[in-house]
C-alpha cells in the first residue's frame, strides 16, 4: 500500500456498490434491482464512523444505504441499496467486521489525513433524524 506522500492519499479504498431499484408494489412494497450498479468511494465515510458502528454494518440496511450521502459522488436515485460489508472487510484485511480493532481504525485514519469522528454519524443518529431522512426519501420517490 502506498503511504501518504505529497498530499496524495493511499490507493487502498473502500468501494461500495450503489444499486438503483424500483418499487414493485409502491413504496410500501418490495423493491427490485434495475439498471447498472455503480461503485462509489466510501473510504472516508467509513473511517469517520465509530468502531462500534462499523462492527454493526449490514449490506442493504438503512445505515449502509445512508452512507452514500457522505461520499463525494452524487448518486441520486430512489429506491436503492448499498452493499459495502465485503469491501470494508477487504480494506481492513479481516473476515468479520467484529475483528476490526480500534488500532486498525486509527492506523487508517492517520493515513487518510485529518478525519474527525462524526459522532452524529449514521448509527448514532436520533430517531427524529432517521424519520426525517426516511420522509424526505419517500417524498422524492413520489415526485419521480
Foldseek 3Di string as FASTA:
>chain_A
DDFQDPNDADPQFQKKKKFAWAAPPAPVGDIDTDDDIDIFTLRLVVLLEDLVVQQVDDWFDPLQQVSVVVGPDDDDHPPITMDGNVSVCVSLVHPHSVPDDPVSSVVNCVRGPPHHRDCCHRVNPDPVVSVVVVVVRSVVSVVD
